[in-house]
């Protein structure tokens, strides 16, 4: 059976975000240095003859495509960097909200009247007590999982709890 638990190491995610930012900066600097170097060459294939013109016809589109591809790679890496940082922030906010929600739930539970726990049964007349009332397993399944003592299987214990009490 799979687990519904998820853990995210936001510190590691933040380090990864920083590394992605460094790589994006490095790639941008390499692109700029490459572009300056290529531009400094000028047109080393010559000018005015048919060989130079044929080379230029092949070279110019290939050069533009290469530059566009490199710029696209830089943009994608920058997007991954931004998205990873955003994910880390969202996980941190979700974690903080979960802690707040659990704290509120714990305060509600600690202030609620104490009722004897019997899987599959609720006291008649509410929390005040009385004769137990059998609750169908379908209702329990809709209202959330319950656990029998020592049972780590959810769902099945609900059905068994109501079958035993009938």
N, C-alpha and C. Protein backbone atom coordinates (compact mmCIF):
# COMPACT_ATOMS: atom_id res chain seq x y z
N UNK A 1 0.85 -1.17 0.00
CA UNK A 1 0.00 0.00 0.00
C UNK A 1 0.90 1.23 0.00
N UNK A 2 0.60 2.22 -0.83
CA UNK A 2 1.40 3.43 -0.93
C UNK A 2 1.16 4.36 0.24
N UNK A 3 2.03 5.30 0.38
CA UNK A 3 1.93 6.26 1.46
C UNK A 3 1.42 7.59 0.92
N UNK A 4 0.60 8.27 1.72
CA UNK A 4 0.12 9.60 1.37
C UNK A 4 1.06 10.67 1.91
N UNK A 5 2.14 10.26 2.54
CA UNK A 5 3.08 11.18 3.15
C UNK A 5 4.09 11.67 2.12
N UNK A 6 4.38 12.94 2.17
CA UNK A 6 5.36 13.51 1.26
C UNK A 6 6.29 14.42 2.05
N UNK A 7 7.56 14.33 1.76
CA UNK A 7 8.53 15.17 2.44
C UNK A 7 9.39 15.87 1.40
N UNK A 8 9.62 17.15 1.60
CA UNK A 8 10.45 17.93 0.69
C UNK A 8 11.52 18.62 1.52
N UNK A 9 12.76 18.42 1.13
CA UNK A 9 13.87 19.10 1.79
C UNK A 9 14.05 20.46 1.14
N UNK A 10 13.42 21.49 1.72
CA UNK A 10 13.46 22.81 1.08
C UNK A 10 14.86 23.41 1.09
N UNK A 11 15.68 23.04 2.06
CA UNK A 11 17.07 23.52 2.07
C UNK A 11 17.83 23.00 0.86
N UNK A 12 17.63 21.70 0.55
CA UNK A 12 18.28 21.12 -0.64
C UNK A 12 17.70 21.72 -1.91
N UNK A 13 16.40 21.97 -1.90
CA UNK A 13 15.76 22.58 -3.06
C UNK A 13 16.28 24.00 -3.28
N UNK A 14 16.50 24.73 -2.19
CA UNK A 14 17.07 26.09 -2.29
C UNK A 14 18.49 26.04 -2.84
N UNK A 15 19.28 25.07 -2.41
CA UNK A 15 20.64 24.93 -2.94
C UNK A 15 20.59 24.63 -4.43
N UNK A 16 19.69 23.74 -4.81
CA UNK A 16 19.53 23.40 -6.23
C UNK A 16 19.11 24.64 -7.03
N UNK A 17 18.22 25.44 -6.45
CA UNK A 17 17.79 26.68 -7.10
C UNK A 17 18.98 27.60 -7.32
N UNK A 18 19.80 27.77 -6.30
CA UNK A 18 20.99 28.63 -6.43
C UNK A 18 21.94 28.10 -7.49
N UNK A 19 22.13 26.77 -7.51
CA UNK A 19 23.01 26.17 -8.51
C UNK A 19 22.47 26.41 -9.92
N UNK A 20 21.16 26.26 -10.10
CA UNK A 20 20.56 26.52 -11.41
C UNK A 20 20.78 27.97 -11.83
N UNK A 21 20.64 28.89 -10.90
CA UNK A 21 20.89 30.30 -11.20
C UNK A 21 22.33 30.54 -11.61
N UNK A 22 23.27 29.89 -10.90
CA UNK A 22 24.70 30.01 -11.26
C UNK A 22 24.94 29.45 -12.65
N UNK A 23 24.35 28.31 -12.96
CA UNK A 23 24.54 27.71 -14.28
C UNK A 23 23.95 28.59 -15.38
N UNK A 24 22.80 29.17 -15.12
CA UNK A 24 22.19 30.07 -16.11
C UNK A 24 23.09 31.28 -16.36
N UNK A 25 23.66 31.85 -15.29
CA UNK A 25 24.58 32.98 -15.44
C UNK A 25 25.83 32.57 -16.21
N UNK A 26 26.38 31.40 -15.87
CA UNK A 26 27.57 30.90 -16.57
C UNK A 26 27.29 30.73 -18.06
N UNK A 27 26.14 30.14 -18.37
CA UNK A 27 25.79 29.90 -19.77
C UNK A 27 25.61 31.23 -20.51
N UNK A 28 24.99 32.21 -19.86
CA UNK A 28 24.82 33.52 -20.49
C UNK A 28 26.19 34.16 -20.75
N UNK A 29 27.11 34.08 -19.80
CA UNK A 29 28.45 34.65 -19.99
C UNK A 29 29.19 33.94 -21.12
N UNK A 30 29.07 32.60 -21.17
CA UNK A 30 29.71 31.86 -22.27
C UNK A 30 29.12 32.26 -23.62
N UNK A 31 27.82 32.44 -23.67
CA UNK A 31 27.17 32.86 -24.91
C UNK A 31 27.70 34.23 -25.35
N UNK A 32 27.78 35.16 -24.42
CA UNK A 32 28.26 36.50 -24.76
C UNK A 32 29.71 36.46 -25.23
N UNK A 33 30.55 35.67 -24.54
CA UNK A 33 31.96 35.55 -24.94
C UNK A 33 32.06 34.90 -26.32
N UNK A 34 31.29 33.86 -26.57
CA UNK A 34 31.28 33.20 -27.89
C UNK A 34 30.85 34.19 -28.97
N UNK A 35 29.78 34.92 -28.70
CA UNK A 35 29.26 35.86 -29.69
C UNK A 35 30.29 36.97 -29.99
N UNK A 36 30.96 37.48 -28.96
CA UNK A 36 32.01 38.49 -29.18
C UNK A 36 33.15 37.92 -30.01
N UNK A 37 33.56 36.69 -29.70
CA UNK A 37 34.67 36.06 -30.43
C UNK A 37 34.33 35.85 -31.90
N UNK A 38 33.13 35.37 -32.17
CA UNK A 38 32.71 35.12 -33.55
C UNK A 38 32.60 36.45 -34.30
N UNK A 39 32.05 37.46 -33.66
CA UNK A 39 31.92 38.76 -34.31
C UNK A 39 33.29 39.39 -34.58
N UNK A 40 34.26 39.13 -33.68
CA UNK A 40 35.60 39.68 -33.87
C UNK A 40 36.29 39.07 -35.10
N UNK A 41 35.88 37.87 -35.50
CA UNK A 41 36.48 37.24 -36.68
C UNK A 41 36.10 37.97 -37.97
N UNK A 42 34.98 38.65 -37.93
CA UNK A 42 34.52 39.29 -39.16
C UNK A 42 34.09 38.23 -40.15
N UNK A 43 34.56 38.38 -41.40
CA UNK A 43 34.24 37.42 -42.45
C UNK A 43 35.55 36.80 -42.96
N UNK A 44 36.08 35.82 -42.23
CA UNK A 44 37.39 35.26 -42.58
C UNK A 44 37.38 34.43 -43.87
N UNK A 45 36.23 34.17 -44.43
CA UNK A 45 36.16 33.37 -45.65
C UNK A 45 36.39 34.22 -46.89
N UNK A 46 36.52 35.53 -46.68
CA UNK A 46 36.80 36.41 -47.82
C UNK A 46 35.55 37.06 -48.36
N UNK A 47 35.77 37.86 -49.39
CA UNK A 47 34.67 38.59 -50.00
C UNK A 47 34.84 38.64 -51.51
N UNK A 48 33.70 38.75 -52.20
CA UNK A 48 33.72 39.04 -53.62
C UNK A 48 33.87 37.87 -54.56
N UNK A 49 34.17 36.67 -54.08
CA UNK A 49 34.28 35.55 -55.03
C UNK A 49 33.13 34.57 -54.78
N UNK A 50 32.93 33.64 -55.65
CA UNK A 50 31.80 32.71 -55.57
C UNK A 50 31.91 31.78 -54.36
N UNK A 51 33.13 31.41 -53.98
CA UNK A 51 33.31 30.54 -52.81
C UNK A 51 32.89 31.26 -51.53
N UNK A 52 33.23 32.52 -51.40
CA UNK A 52 32.86 33.31 -50.23
C UNK A 52 31.34 33.46 -50.15
N UNK A 53 30.70 33.71 -51.28
CA UNK A 53 29.25 33.87 -51.30
C UNK A 53 28.55 32.56 -50.96
N UNK A 54 29.03 31.43 -51.47
CA UNK A 54 28.42 30.13 -51.15
C UNK A 54 28.57 29.82 -49.66
N UNK A 55 29.74 30.11 -49.12
CA UNK A 55 29.95 29.86 -47.70
C UNK A 55 29.02 30.74 -46.87
N UNK A 56 28.91 32.03 -47.23
CA UNK A 56 28.04 32.96 -46.50
C UNK A 56 26.58 32.48 -46.54
N UNK A 57 26.13 31.97 -47.68
CA UNK A 57 24.75 31.49 -47.82
C UNK A 57 24.47 30.31 -46.87
N UNK A 58 25.49 29.50 -46.66
CA UNK A 58 25.34 28.39 -45.72
C UNK A 58 25.54 28.88 -44.28
N UNK A 59 26.55 29.71 -44.07
CA UNK A 59 26.97 30.11 -42.72
C UNK A 59 25.95 31.01 -42.03
N UNK A 60 25.45 32.03 -42.69
CA UNK A 60 24.58 33.01 -42.03
C UNK A 60 23.35 32.36 -41.39
N UNK A 61 22.57 31.54 -42.11
CA UNK A 61 21.41 30.92 -41.45
C UNK A 61 21.81 29.97 -40.31
N UNK A 62 22.90 29.22 -40.52
CA UNK A 62 23.36 28.30 -39.47
C UNK A 62 23.80 29.08 -38.23
N UNK A 63 24.48 30.19 -38.44
CA UNK A 63 24.94 31.03 -37.33
C UNK A 63 23.74 31.60 -36.57
N UNK A 64 22.75 32.10 -37.27
CA UNK A 64 21.55 32.64 -36.62
C UNK A 64 20.82 31.54 -35.84
N UNK A 65 20.71 30.36 -36.44
CA UNK A 65 20.05 29.24 -35.75
C UNK A 65 20.80 28.85 -34.48
N UNK A 66 22.12 28.82 -34.55
CA UNK A 66 22.93 28.48 -33.39
C UNK A 66 22.72 29.50 -32.28
N UNK A 67 22.77 30.78 -32.62
CA UNK A 67 22.58 31.82 -31.61
C UNK A 67 21.18 31.74 -31.00
N UNK A 68 20.17 31.50 -31.83
CA UNK A 68 18.79 31.38 -31.32
C UNK A 68 18.67 30.17 -30.39
N UNK A 69 19.31 29.06 -30.75
CA UNK A 69 19.26 27.86 -29.90
C UNK A 69 19.94 28.10 -28.57
N UNK A 70 21.08 28.76 -28.59
CA UNK A 70 21.78 29.04 -27.34
C UNK A 70 20.97 29.99 -26.46
N UNK A 71 20.36 31.00 -27.06
CA UNK A 71 19.53 31.93 -26.29
C UNK A 71 18.31 31.20 -25.72
N UNK A 72 17.75 30.28 -26.49
CA UNK A 72 16.61 29.50 -26.01
C UNK A 72 17.02 28.61 -24.83
N UNK A 73 18.19 28.00 -24.92
CA UNK A 73 18.67 27.15 -23.82
C UNK A 73 18.87 27.98 -22.56
N UNK A 74 19.41 29.18 -22.72
CA UNK A 74 19.59 30.07 -21.56
C UNK A 74 18.23 30.42 -20.96
N UNK A 75 17.28 30.78 -21.80
CA UNK A 75 15.94 31.15 -21.32
C UNK A 75 15.28 29.98 -20.59
N UNK A 76 15.42 28.77 -21.13
CA UNK A 76 14.83 27.60 -20.48
C UNK A 76 15.47 27.34 -19.12
N UNK A 77 16.78 27.46 -19.05
CA UNK A 77 17.46 27.24 -17.78
C UNK A 77 17.05 28.30 -16.76
N UNK A 78 16.87 29.53 -17.21
CA UNK A 78 16.40 30.59 -16.32
C UNK A 78 14.98 30.31 -15.84
N UNK A 79 14.13 29.75 -16.71
CA UNK A 79 12.76 29.40 -16.32
C UNK A 79 12.76 28.27 -15.29
N UNK A 80 13.61 27.27 -15.50
CA UNK A 80 13.70 26.17 -14.54
C UNK A 80 14.20 26.70 -13.19
N UNK A 81 15.17 27.60 -13.25
CA UNK A 81 15.68 28.24 -12.03
C UNK A 81 14.55 28.95 -11.29
N UNK A 82 13.77 29.76 -11.99
CA UNK A 82 12.68 30.51 -11.36
C UNK A 82 11.60 29.56 -10.83
N UNK A 83 11.24 28.55 -11.61
CA UNK A 83 10.20 27.61 -11.19
C UNK A 83 10.63 26.80 -9.98
N UNK A 84 11.90 26.43 -9.90
CA UNK A 84 12.40 25.67 -8.76
C UNK A 84 12.37 26.53 -7.50
N UNK A 85 12.76 27.79 -7.63
CA UNK A 85 12.69 28.70 -6.49
C UNK A 85 11.25 28.91 -6.04
N UNK A 86 10.35 29.03 -7.00
CA UNK A 86 8.94 29.20 -6.69
C UNK A 86 8.38 27.96 -5.98
N UNK A 87 8.77 26.78 -6.45
CA UNK A 87 8.32 25.54 -5.82
C UNK A 87 8.80 25.48 -4.37
N UNK A 88 10.03 25.86 -4.13
CA UNK A 88 10.56 25.85 -2.77
C UNK A 88 9.75 26.76 -1.87
N UNK A 89 9.43 27.95 -2.34
CA UNK A 89 8.64 28.89 -1.55
C UNK A 89 7.24 28.34 -1.27
N UNK A 90 6.64 27.71 -2.29
CA UNK A 90 5.30 27.14 -2.12
C UNK A 90 5.32 26.00 -1.10
N UNK A 91 6.36 25.14 -1.15
CA UNK A 91 6.47 24.05 -0.18
C UNK A 91 6.64 24.61 1.24
N UNK A 92 7.42 25.68 1.36
CA UNK A 92 7.61 26.28 2.68
C UNK A 92 6.29 26.84 3.21
N UNK A 93 5.54 27.53 2.35
CA UNK A 93 4.25 28.08 2.78
C UNK A 93 3.27 26.95 3.13
N UNK A 94 3.26 25.89 2.32
CA UNK A 94 2.36 24.76 2.60
C UNK A 94 2.73 24.11 3.93
N UNK A 95 4.02 23.97 4.19
CA UNK A 95 4.46 23.39 5.46
C UNK A 95 4.05 24.24 6.65
N UNK A 96 4.23 25.54 6.52
CA UNK A 96 3.84 26.45 7.59
C UNK A 96 2.32 26.41 7.81
N UNK A 97 1.56 26.38 6.71
CA UNK A 97 0.10 26.33 6.82
C UNK A 97 -0.34 25.01 7.45
N UNK A 98 0.32 23.91 7.08
CA UNK A 98 -0.01 22.60 7.66
C UNK A 98 0.24 22.60 9.15
N UNK A 99 1.36 23.16 9.57
CA UNK A 99 1.65 23.23 11.01
C UNK A 99 0.60 24.06 11.74
N UNK A 100 0.18 25.15 11.13
CA UNK A 100 -0.85 26.00 11.73
C UNK A 100 -2.17 25.24 11.80
N UNK A 101 -2.53 24.53 10.72
CA UNK A 101 -3.78 23.77 10.70
C UNK A 101 -3.77 22.66 11.74
N UNK A 102 -2.65 21.95 11.88
CA UNK A 102 -2.55 20.88 12.87
C UNK A 102 -2.66 21.47 14.28
N UNK A 103 -2.06 22.61 14.50
CA UNK A 103 -2.17 23.26 15.81
C UNK A 103 -3.60 23.64 16.13
N UNK A 104 -4.32 24.18 15.14
CA UNK A 104 -5.73 24.54 15.35
C UNK A 104 -6.56 23.29 15.62
N UNK A 105 -6.31 22.23 14.86
CA UNK A 105 -7.04 20.98 15.06
C UNK A 105 -6.77 20.41 16.45
N UNK A 106 -5.52 20.46 16.89
CA UNK A 106 -5.17 19.95 18.22
C UNK A 106 -5.89 20.75 19.30
N UNK A 107 -5.99 22.07 19.14
CA UNK A 107 -6.71 22.88 20.13
C UNK A 107 -8.20 22.53 20.13
N UNK A 108 -8.78 22.30 18.94
CA UNK A 108 -10.19 21.91 18.86
C UNK A 108 -10.43 20.57 19.53
N UNK A 109 -9.54 19.62 19.27
CA UNK A 109 -9.69 18.28 19.85
C UNK A 109 -9.54 18.33 21.36
N UNK A 110 -8.57 19.09 21.84
CA UNK A 110 -8.34 19.13 23.29
C UNK A 110 -9.48 19.83 24.02
N UNK A 111 -10.22 20.70 23.33
CA UNK A 111 -11.33 21.38 23.99
C UNK A 111 -12.67 20.68 23.76
N UNK A 112 -12.70 19.62 22.95
CA UNK A 112 -13.95 18.89 22.67
C UNK A 112 -14.27 17.96 23.84
N UNK A 113 -15.58 17.69 24.08
CA UNK A 113 -15.95 16.73 25.14
C UNK A 113 -15.37 15.35 24.82
N UNK A 114 -14.98 14.64 25.85
CA UNK A 114 -14.39 13.31 25.67
C UNK A 114 -15.49 12.27 25.51
N UNK A 115 -15.40 11.47 24.45
CA UNK A 115 -16.37 10.42 24.16
C UNK A 115 -15.58 9.12 24.03
N UNK A 116 -16.06 8.02 24.62
CA UNK A 116 -15.35 6.74 24.45
C UNK A 116 -15.27 6.38 22.98
N UNK A 117 -14.09 5.97 22.54
CA UNK A 117 -13.88 5.63 21.13
C UNK A 117 -14.28 4.18 20.88
N UNK A 118 -15.24 3.98 20.00
CA UNK A 118 -15.66 2.65 19.58
C UNK A 118 -15.79 2.69 18.07
N UNK A 119 -14.88 2.04 17.36
CA UNK A 119 -14.98 2.07 15.90
C UNK A 119 -16.34 1.57 15.43
N UNK A 120 -16.98 2.32 14.57
CA UNK A 120 -18.26 1.92 14.01
C UNK A 120 -19.45 2.33 14.83
N UNK A 121 -19.26 2.96 15.98
CA UNK A 121 -20.39 3.33 16.83
C UNK A 121 -20.24 4.77 17.30
N UNK A 122 -21.38 5.42 17.46
CA UNK A 122 -21.43 6.76 18.03
C UNK A 122 -22.41 6.72 19.19
N UNK A 123 -22.19 7.52 20.21
CA UNK A 123 -23.14 7.53 21.32
C UNK A 123 -24.47 8.11 20.87
N UNK A 124 -25.56 7.56 21.40
CA UNK A 124 -26.88 8.07 21.08
C UNK A 124 -27.07 9.41 21.78
N UNK A 125 -27.67 10.36 21.06
CA UNK A 125 -27.91 11.66 21.67
C UNK A 125 -26.68 12.55 21.65
N UNK A 126 -25.70 12.25 20.85
CA UNK A 126 -24.52 13.11 20.72
C UNK A 126 -23.45 12.76 21.72
N UNK A 127 -22.63 13.72 22.06
CA UNK A 127 -21.47 13.49 22.91
C UNK A 127 -21.83 13.26 24.36
N UNK A 128 -23.09 13.50 24.74
CA UNK A 128 -23.49 13.37 26.14
C UNK A 128 -23.49 11.92 26.61
N UNK A 129 -23.57 10.96 25.71
CA UNK A 129 -23.54 9.56 26.10
C UNK A 129 -24.85 8.87 25.81
N UNK A 130 -24.99 7.63 26.27
CA UNK A 130 -26.20 6.86 26.02
C UNK A 130 -25.84 5.58 25.31
N UNK A 131 -26.85 4.92 24.78
CA UNK A 131 -26.65 3.67 24.06
C UNK A 131 -25.94 3.93 22.73
N UNK A 132 -24.98 3.05 22.36
CA UNK A 132 -24.28 3.23 21.09
C UNK A 132 -25.20 2.99 19.90
N UNK A 133 -24.92 3.70 18.84
CA UNK A 133 -25.66 3.57 17.59
C UNK A 133 -24.68 3.08 16.54
N UNK A 134 -25.07 2.02 15.79
CA UNK A 134 -24.19 1.50 14.74
C UNK A 134 -24.18 2.47 13.56
N UNK A 135 -22.98 2.75 13.07
CA UNK A 135 -22.81 3.65 11.93
C UNK A 135 -22.36 2.81 10.74
N UNK A 136 -23.08 2.88 9.61
CA UNK A 136 -22.68 2.09 8.44
C UNK A 136 -21.27 2.45 7.98
N UNK A 137 -20.55 1.46 7.46
CA UNK A 137 -19.18 1.66 7.00
C UNK A 137 -19.10 2.72 5.91
N UNK A 138 -20.17 2.83 5.07
CA UNK A 138 -20.16 3.82 4.00
C UNK A 138 -20.09 5.23 4.59
N UNK A 139 -20.78 5.45 5.69
CA UNK A 139 -20.76 6.77 6.32
C UNK A 139 -19.37 7.05 6.87
N UNK A 140 -18.78 6.05 7.52
CA UNK A 140 -17.43 6.23 8.04
C UNK A 140 -16.45 6.50 6.92
N UNK A 141 -16.58 5.81 5.79
CA UNK A 141 -15.67 6.00 4.66
C UNK A 141 -15.80 7.41 4.11
N UNK A 142 -17.00 7.97 4.14
CA UNK A 142 -17.20 9.33 3.64
C UNK A 142 -16.69 10.37 4.62
N UNK A 143 -16.74 10.06 5.90
CA UNK A 143 -16.34 11.05 6.89
C UNK A 143 -14.85 11.01 7.19
N UNK A 144 -14.13 10.03 6.66
CA UNK A 144 -12.69 9.97 6.89
C UNK A 144 -12.29 8.67 7.52
N UNK A 145 -11.02 8.35 7.47
CA UNK A 145 -10.53 7.07 7.97
C UNK A 145 -10.52 7.02 9.50
N UNK A 146 -10.76 5.80 10.01
CA UNK A 146 -10.58 5.55 11.44
C UNK A 146 -9.62 4.38 11.55
N UNK A 147 -9.05 4.21 12.70
CA UNK A 147 -8.09 3.13 12.90
C UNK A 147 -8.46 2.35 14.15
N UNK A 148 -8.53 1.04 14.01
CA UNK A 148 -8.72 0.20 15.18
C UNK A 148 -7.38 0.10 15.88
N UNK A 149 -7.43 -0.16 17.17
CA UNK A 149 -6.19 -0.27 17.92
C UNK A 149 -5.31 -1.36 17.34
N UNK A 150 -4.08 -1.02 17.02
CA UNK A 150 -3.12 -1.98 16.48
C UNK A 150 -3.31 -2.26 15.00
N UNK A 151 -4.26 -1.63 14.33
CA UNK A 151 -4.52 -1.88 12.91
C UNK A 151 -3.99 -0.72 12.10
N UNK A 152 -3.10 -0.98 11.16
CA UNK A 152 -2.56 0.08 10.34
C UNK A 152 -3.25 0.15 8.99
N UNK A 153 -4.25 -0.71 8.77
CA UNK A 153 -4.97 -0.73 7.49
C UNK A 153 -6.18 0.16 7.60
N UNK A 154 -6.27 1.17 6.76
CA UNK A 154 -7.41 2.06 6.77
C UNK A 154 -8.48 1.50 5.85
N UNK A 155 -9.73 1.82 6.11
CA UNK A 155 -10.81 1.39 5.24
C UNK A 155 -11.31 0.01 5.64
N UNK A 156 -10.45 -0.98 5.58
CA UNK A 156 -10.86 -2.35 5.91
C UNK A 156 -11.24 -2.43 7.39
N UNK A 157 -10.51 -1.74 8.25
CA UNK A 157 -10.82 -1.78 9.68
C UNK A 157 -12.17 -1.14 9.95
N UNK A 158 -12.58 -0.19 9.12
CA UNK A 158 -13.89 0.43 9.29
C UNK A 158 -14.98 -0.60 9.06
N UNK A 159 -14.86 -1.37 8.00
CA UNK A 159 -15.88 -2.38 7.67
C UNK A 159 -15.91 -3.48 8.71
N UNK A 160 -14.73 -3.91 9.15
CA UNK A 160 -14.67 -4.96 10.16
C UNK A 160 -15.26 -4.47 11.47
N UNK A 161 -15.01 -3.19 11.81
CA UNK A 161 -15.52 -2.61 13.06
C UNK A 161 -17.02 -2.60 13.10
N UNK A 162 -17.67 -2.29 11.99
CA UNK A 162 -19.13 -2.26 11.96
C UNK A 162 -19.69 -3.67 11.87
N UNK A 163 -18.99 -4.58 11.22
CA UNK A 163 -19.48 -5.96 11.10
C UNK A 163 -19.44 -6.63 12.48
N UNK A 164 -18.39 -6.34 13.27
CA UNK A 164 -18.28 -6.94 14.59
C UNK A 164 -19.37 -6.44 15.53
N UNK A 165 -19.80 -5.21 15.36
CA UNK A 165 -20.74 -4.63 16.29
C UNK A 165 -22.18 -4.96 15.96
N UNK A 166 -22.46 -5.51 14.78
CA UNK A 166 -23.84 -5.78 14.39
C UNK A 166 -24.38 -7.05 15.01
